[in-house]
Amino acid sequence: MKGSFNPSEVQRLEEDVRRWEKEESLRKIEEKHLAGLISYEESLLAKQQLADEAKAQGDKVRSEREKLNAKLEKYRTEEMEKLRRTVERCHEAEQMAKNAYTSMVDEKRQKAAEVAEESRRIKVCLIEQKEEELRRKLQVIQEIKTLQSLQGQRAKEFDQAETGRLRLMCEMSLAEVRSAR
């Protein structure tokens, strides 16, 4: 039958078209599903990459923080050492000042004691000189009294060139006294 219309052929074609449309629909669904899976996998990969980058960045930040903490600790240690040395120098300077003050006070006390001893010796010397001068004066007074008592007993003529013959070292004749003036 040529030229005849075969309804089974149309049905078969319609079934083929439906099957093809169904397959096409399933393929599109499968394609969307696979695209979703790919997108999901890509998002997982992107998340993993972001997590790896964040971890690397965190590791880098931690490493920098550790370096900075080490530098800060080193700086603190150096500053504490400088501060300790400064405090020691200040303490030494203070101790030297105290020692110098003590030395100065001791030196002044020693000088004061020396001056007091010298003053005492001078006073003793002056007292001895005054006592000696007083003894001399008393002796001279005694000699004068003796001379006056002897003079009153003699009634002889007076010779200006003659001494009193008392055997005193300081004896002088009246003429010698006048010529010495």
C-alpha atoms as a PDB file:
ATOM      1  CA  MET A   1       0.000   0.000   0.000  1.00  0.00           C
ATOM      2  CA  LYS A   2       1.544   2.853  -1.328  1.00  0.00           C
ATOM      3  CA  GLY A   3       0.144   6.112  -0.610  1.00  0.00           C
ATOM      4  CA  SER A   4      -2.004   4.924   2.075  1.00  0.00           C
ATOM      5  CA  PHE A   5      -2.134   6.412   5.444  1.00  0.00           C
ATOM      6  CA  ASN A   6      -0.995   4.139   8.191  1.00  0.00           C
ATOM      7  CA  PRO A   7      -2.261   5.202  11.614  1.00  0.00           C
ATOM      8  CA  SER A   8       0.162   2.875  13.430  1.00  0.00           C
ATOM      9  CA  GLU A   9       2.952   4.687  11.700  1.00  0.00           C
ATOM     10  CA  VAL A  10       1.612   7.993  13.048  1.00  0.00           C
ATOM     11  CA  GLN A  11       1.221   6.474  16.457  1.00  0.00           C
ATOM     12  CA  ARG A  12       4.690   5.122  16.310  1.00  0.00           C
ATOM     13  CA  LEU A  13       5.965   8.546  15.202  1.00  0.00           C
ATOM     14  CA  GLU A  14       3.958  10.236  17.915  1.00  0.00           C
ATOM     15  CA  GLU A  15       5.364   7.783  20.435  1.00  0.00           C
ATOM     16  CA  ASP A  16       8.841   8.424  19.065  1.00  0.00           C
ATOM     17  CA  VAL A  17       8.265  12.176  19.386  1.00  0.00           C
ATOM     18  CA  ARG A  18       6.909  11.730  22.933  1.00  0.00           C
ATOM     19  CA  ARG A  19       9.767   9.455  23.813  1.00  0.00           C
ATOM     20  CA  TRP A  20      12.169  11.915  22.238  1.00  0.00           C
ATOM     21  CA  GLU A  21      10.531  14.810  24.129  1.00  0.00           C
ATOM     22  CA  LYS A  22      10.546  12.767  27.319  1.00  0.00           C
ATOM     23  CA  GLU A  23      14.201  11.852  26.767  1.00  0.00           C
ATOM     24  CA  GLU A  24      14.912  15.478  25.931  1.00  0.00           C
ATOM     25  CA  SER A  25      13.095  16.532  29.103  1.00  0.00           C
ATOM     26  CA  LEU A  26      14.989  13.899  31.123  1.00  0.00           C
ATOM     27  CA  ARG A  27      18.215  14.963  29.455  1.00  0.00           C
ATOM     28  CA  LYS A  28      17.490  18.600  30.352  1.00  0.00           C
ATOM     29  CA  ILE A  29      16.621  17.585  33.901  1.00  0.00           C
ATOM     30  CA  GLU A  30      19.764  15.429  34.001  1.00  0.00           C
ATOM     31  CA  GLU A  31      21.739  18.327  32.502  1.00  0.00           C
ATOM     32  CA  LYS A  32      20.309  20.710  35.097  1.00  0.00           C
ATOM     33  CA  HIS A  33      20.988  18.132  37.784  1.00  0.00           C
ATOM     34  CA  LEU A  34      24.570  17.676  36.535  1.00  0.00           C
ATOM     35  CA  ALA A  35      24.949  21.456  36.202  1.00  0.00           C
ATOM     36  CA  GLY A  36      23.716  21.737  39.815  1.00  0.00           C
ATOM     37  CA  LEU A  37      26.151  19.022  40.868  1.00  0.00           C
ATOM     38  CA  ILE A  38      28.944  20.775  38.979  1.00  0.00           C
ATOM     39  CA  SER A  39      27.930  24.076  40.554  1.00  0.00           C
ATOM     40  CA  TYR A  40      27.781  22.368  43.955  1.00  0.00           C
ATOM     41  CA  GLU A  41      31.195  20.786  43.375  1.00  0.00           C
ATOM     42  CA  GLU A  42      32.533  24.111  42.148  1.00  0.00           C
ATOM     43  CA  SER A  43      31.104  25.815  45.229  1.00  0.00           C
ATOM     44  CA  LEU A  44      32.660  23.103  47.433  1.00  0.00           C
ATOM     45  CA  LEU A  45      35.957  23.576  45.611  1.00  0.00           C
ATOM     46  CA  ALA A  46      35.616  27.360  45.936  1.00  0.00           C
ATOM     47  CA  LYS A  47      34.784  26.987  49.645  1.00  0.00           C
ATOM     48  CA  GLN A  48      37.731  24.637  50.090  1.00  0.00           C
ATOM     49  CA  GLN A  49      39.975  27.053  48.205  1.00  0.00           C
ATOM     50  CA  LEU A  50      38.682  29.929  50.328  1.00  0.00           C
ATOM     51  CA  ALA A  51      39.235  27.842  53.472  1.00  0.00           C
ATOM     52  CA  ASP A  52      42.773  26.975  52.283  1.00  0.00           C
ATOM     53  CA  GLU A  53      43.452  30.626  51.474  1.00  0.00           C
ATOM     54  CA  ALA A  54      42.010  31.683  54.842  1.00  0.00           C
ATOM     55  CA  LYS A  55      44.123  29.030  56.569  1.00  0.00           C
ATOM     56  CA  ALA A  56      47.221  30.174  54.670  1.00  0.00           C
ATOM     57  CA  GLN A  57      46.395  33.789  55.501  1.00  0.00           C
ATOM     58  CA  GLY A  58      45.771  32.808  59.140  1.00  0.00           C
ATOM     59  CA  ASP A  59      49.055  30.900  59.218  1.00  0.00           C
ATOM     60  CA  LYS A  60      50.800  33.922  57.714  1.00  0.00           C
ATOM     61  CA  VAL A  61      49.142  36.255  60.256  1.00  0.00           C
ATOM     62  CA  ARG A  62      50.015  33.867  63.114  1.00  0.00           C
ATOM     63  CA  SER A  63      53.587  33.651  61.854  1.00  0.00           C
ATOM     64  CA  GLU A  64      53.822  37.451  61.640  1.00  0.00           C
ATOM     65  CA  ARG A  65      52.215  37.753  65.076  1.00  0.00           C
ATOM     66  CA  GLU A  66      54.736  35.277  66.515  1.00  0.00           C
ATOM     67  CA  LYS A  67      57.590  37.242  64.898  1.00  0.00           C
ATOM     68  CA  LEU A  68      56.169  40.501  66.249  1.00  0.00           C
ATOM     69  CA  ASN A  69      55.683  38.936  69.695  1.00  0.00           C
ATOM     70  CA  ALA A  70      59.274  37.667  69.590  1.00  0.00           C
ATOM     71  CA  LYS A  71      60.492  41.138  68.572  1.00  0.00           C
ATOM     72  CA  LEU A  72      58.307  42.708  71.278  1.00  0.00           C
ATOM     73  CA  GLU A  73      59.658  40.301  73.892  1.00  0.00           C
ATOM     74  CA  LYS A  74      63.220  41.001  72.738  1.00  0.00           C
ATOM     75  CA  TYR A  75      62.504  44.754  72.887  1.00  0.00           C
ATOM     76  CA  ARG A  76      60.993  44.393  76.370  1.00  0.00           C
ATOM     77  CA  THR A  77      64.004  42.379  77.516  1.00  0.00           C
ATOM     78  CA  GLU A  78      66.417  44.971  76.094  1.00  0.00           C
ATOM     79  CA  GLU A  79      64.459  47.834  77.635  1.00  0.00           C
ATOM     80  CA  MET A  80      64.314  46.065  80.995  1.00  0.00           C
ATOM     81  CA  GLU A  81      68.084  45.471  80.772  1.00  0.00           C
ATOM     82  CA  LYS A  82      68.663  49.148  79.905  1.00  0.00           C
ATOM     83  CA  LEU A  83      66.387  50.172  82.768  1.00  0.00           C
ATOM     84  CA  ARG A  84      68.199  47.796  85.134  1.00  0.00           C
ATOM     85  CA  ARG A  85      71.589  49.194  84.085  1.00  0.00           C
ATOM     86  CA  THR A  86      70.284  52.752  84.499  1.00  0.00           C
ATOM     87  CA  VAL A  87      68.951  51.926  87.963  1.00  0.00           C
ATOM     88  CA  GLU A  88      72.290  50.321  88.858  1.00  0.00           C
ATOM     89  CA  ARG A  89      74.182  53.399  87.621  1.00  0.00           C
ATOM     90  CA  CYS A  90      71.851  55.657  89.625  1.00  0.00           C
ATOM     91  CA  HIS A  91      72.316  53.458  92.696  1.00  0.00           C
ATOM     92  CA  GLU A  92      76.109  53.530  92.216  1.00  0.00           C
ATOM     93  CA  ALA A  93      76.052  57.310  91.778  1.00  0.00           C
ATOM     94  CA  GLU A  94      73.897  57.644  94.904  1.00  0.00           C
ATOM     95  CA  GLN A  95      76.265  55.354  96.819  1.00  0.00           C
ATOM     96  CA  MET A  96      79.264  57.341  95.573  1.00  0.00           C
ATOM     97  CA  ALA A  97      77.568  60.567  96.668  1.00  0.00           C
ATOM     98  CA  LYS A  98      76.884  59.073 100.109  1.00  0.00           C
ATOM     99  CA  ASN A  99      80.482  57.876 100.340  1.00  0.00           C
ATOM    100  CA  ALA A 100      81.779  61.272  99.224  1.00  0.00           C
ATOM    101  CA  TYR A 101      79.556  62.995 101.785  1.00  0.00           C
ATOM    102  CA  THR A 102      80.699  60.623 104.529  1.00  0.00           C
ATOM    103  CA  SER A 103      84.314  61.127 103.478  1.00  0.00           C
ATOM    104  CA  MET A 104      83.856  64.897 103.461  1.00  0.00           C
ATOM    105  CA  VAL A 105      82.227  64.825 106.912  1.00  0.00           C
ATOM    106  CA  ASP A 106      85.041  62.625 108.255  1.00  0.00           C
ATOM    107  CA  GLU A 107      87.638  64.914 106.687  1.00  0.00           C
ATOM    108  CA  LYS A 108      85.960  67.991 108.221  1.00  0.00           C
ATOM    109  CA  ARG A 109      85.796  66.254 111.612  1.00  0.00           C
ATOM    110  CA  GLN A 110      89.462  65.354 111.324  1.00  0.00           C
ATOM    111  CA  LYS A 111      90.383  68.921 110.353  1.00  0.00           C
ATOM    112  CA  ALA A 112      88.214  70.256 113.182  1.00  0.00           C
ATOM    113  CA  ALA A 113      89.967  67.904 115.609  1.00  0.00           C
ATOM    114  CA  GLU A 114      93.356  69.011 114.242  1.00  0.00           C
ATOM    115  CA  VAL A 115      92.366  72.675 114.553  1.00  0.00           C
ATOM    116  CA  ALA A 116      91.052  72.078 118.082  1.00  0.00           C
ATOM    117  CA  GLU A 117      94.302  70.288 119.017  1.00  0.00           C
ATOM    118  CA  GLU A 118      96.391  73.070 117.464  1.00  0.00           C
ATOM    119  CA  SER A 119      94.268  75.668 119.247  1.00  0.00           C
ATOM    120  CA  ARG A 120      94.727  73.812 122.526  1.00  0.00           C
ATOM    121  CA  ARG A 121      98.505  73.650 121.985  1.00  0.00           C
ATOM    122  CA  ILE A 122      98.606  77.356 121.135  1.00  0.00           C
ATOM    123  CA  LYS A 123      96.565  78.157 124.268  1.00  0.00           C
ATOM    124  CA  VAL A 124      98.870  76.019 126.378  1.00  0.00           C
ATOM    125  CA  CYS A 125     101.887  77.698 124.791  1.00  0.00           C
ATOM    126  CA  LEU A 126     100.384  81.156 125.348  1.00  0.00           C
ATOM    127  CA  ILE A 127      99.578  80.295 128.962  1.00  0.00           C
ATOM    128  CA  GLU A 128     103.138  79.024 129.468  1.00  0.00           C
ATOM    129  CA  GLN A 129     104.520  82.200 127.839  1.00  0.00           C
ATOM    130  CA  LYS A 130     102.342  84.379 130.054  1.00  0.00           C
ATOM    131  CA  GLU A 131     103.380  82.403 133.120  1.00  0.00           C
ATOM    132  CA  GLU A 132     107.032  82.725 132.079  1.00  0.00           C
ATOM    133  CA  GLU A 133     106.592  86.470 131.488  1.00  0.00           C
ATOM    134  CA  LEU A 134     104.835  86.797 134.824  1.00  0.00           C
ATOM    135  CA  ARG A 135     107.717  84.921 136.534  1.00  0.00           C
ATOM    136  CA  ARG A 136     110.214  87.185 134.796  1.00  0.00           C
ATOM    137  CA  LYS A 137     108.280  90.258 135.867  1.00  0.00           C
ATOM    138  CA  LEU A 138     108.066  88.944 139.413  1.00  0.00           C
ATOM    139  CA  GLN A 139     111.798  88.269 139.337  1.00  0.00           C
ATOM    140  CA  VAL A 140     112.481  91.781 137.998  1.00  0.00           C
ATOM    141  CA  ILE A 141     110.231  93.240 140.695  1.00  0.00           C
ATOM    142  CA  GLN A 142     112.068  91.170 143.289  1.00  0.00           C
ATOM    143  CA  GLU A 143     115.402  92.372 141.904  1.00  0.00           C
ATOM    144  CA  ILE A 144     114.205  95.985 141.972  1.00  0.00           C
ATOM    145  CA  LYS A 145     113.031  95.596 145.585  1.00  0.00           C
ATOM    146  CA  THR A 146     116.358  94.025 146.477  1.00  0.00           C
ATOM    147  CA  LEU A 147     118.206  96.839 144.747  1.00  0.00           C
ATOM    148  CA  GLN A 148     116.107  99.441 146.519  1.00  0.00           C
ATOM    149  CA  SER A 149     116.718  97.817 149.854  1.00  0.00           C
ATOM    150  CA  LEU A 150     120.452  97.719 149.183  1.00  0.00           C
ATOM    151  CA  GLN A 151     120.494 101.275 147.974  1.00  0.00           C
ATOM    152  CA  GLY A 152     118.957 102.583 151.083  1.00  0.00           C
ATOM    153  CA  GLN A 153     121.745 101.054 153.215  1.00  0.00           C
ATOM    154  CA  ARG A 154     124.552 102.656 151.283  1.00  0.00           C
ATOM    155  CA  ALA A 155     125.199 106.248 151.754  1.00  0.00           C
ATOM    156  CA  LYS A 156     128.269 106.600 149.622  1.00  0.00           C
ATOM    157  CA  GLU A 157     128.871 108.862 146.808  1.00  0.00           C
ATOM    158  CA  PHE A 158     127.242 107.866 143.585  1.00  0.00           C
ATOM    159  CA  ASP A 159     129.408 106.887 140.588  1.00  0.00           C
ATOM    160  CA  GLN A 160     127.477 106.852 137.315  1.00  0.00           C
ATOM    161  CA  ALA A 161     129.932 104.482 135.632  1.00  0.00           C
ATOM    162  CA  GLU A 162     129.758 101.896 138.384  1.00  0.00           C
ATOM    163  CA  THR A 163     127.300  98.965 138.490  1.00  0.00           C
ATOM    164  CA  GLY A 164     125.566  97.703 141.571  1.00  0.00           C
ATOM    165  CA  ARG A 165     127.772  94.568 141.761  1.00  0.00           C
ATOM    166  CA  LEU A 166     124.854  92.305 142.314  1.00  0.00           C
ATOM    167  CA  ARG A 167     126.144  89.873 139.705  1.00  0.00           C
ATOM    168  CA  LEU A 168     123.048  90.086 137.603  1.00  0.00           C
ATOM    169  CA  MET A 169     123.318  89.637 133.850  1.00  0.00           C
ATOM    170  CA  CYS A 170     121.112  92.604 133.190  1.00  0.00           C
ATOM    171  CA  GLU A 171     123.158  94.944 135.385  1.00  0.00           C
ATOM    172  CA  MET A 172     124.098  98.193 133.708  1.00  0.00           C
ATOM    173  CA  SER A 173     125.645 101.377 134.915  1.00  0.00           C
ATOM    174  CA  LEU A 174     123.680 104.578 134.680  1.00  0.00           C
ATOM    175  CA  ALA A 175     126.091 105.827 132.017  1.00  0.00           C
ATOM    176  CA  GLU A 176     125.489 102.692 129.935  1.00  0.00           C
ATOM    177  CA  VAL A 177     121.753 103.133 130.301  1.00  0.00           C
ATOM    178  CA  ARG A 178     121.921 106.742 129.142  1.00  0.00           C
ATOM    179  CA  SER A 179     124.158 105.955 126.201  1.00  0.00           C
ATOM    180  CA  ALA A 180     121.898 103.064 125.159  1.00  0.00           C
ATOM    181  CA  ARG A 181     118.940 105.368 124.821  1.00  0.00           C
END
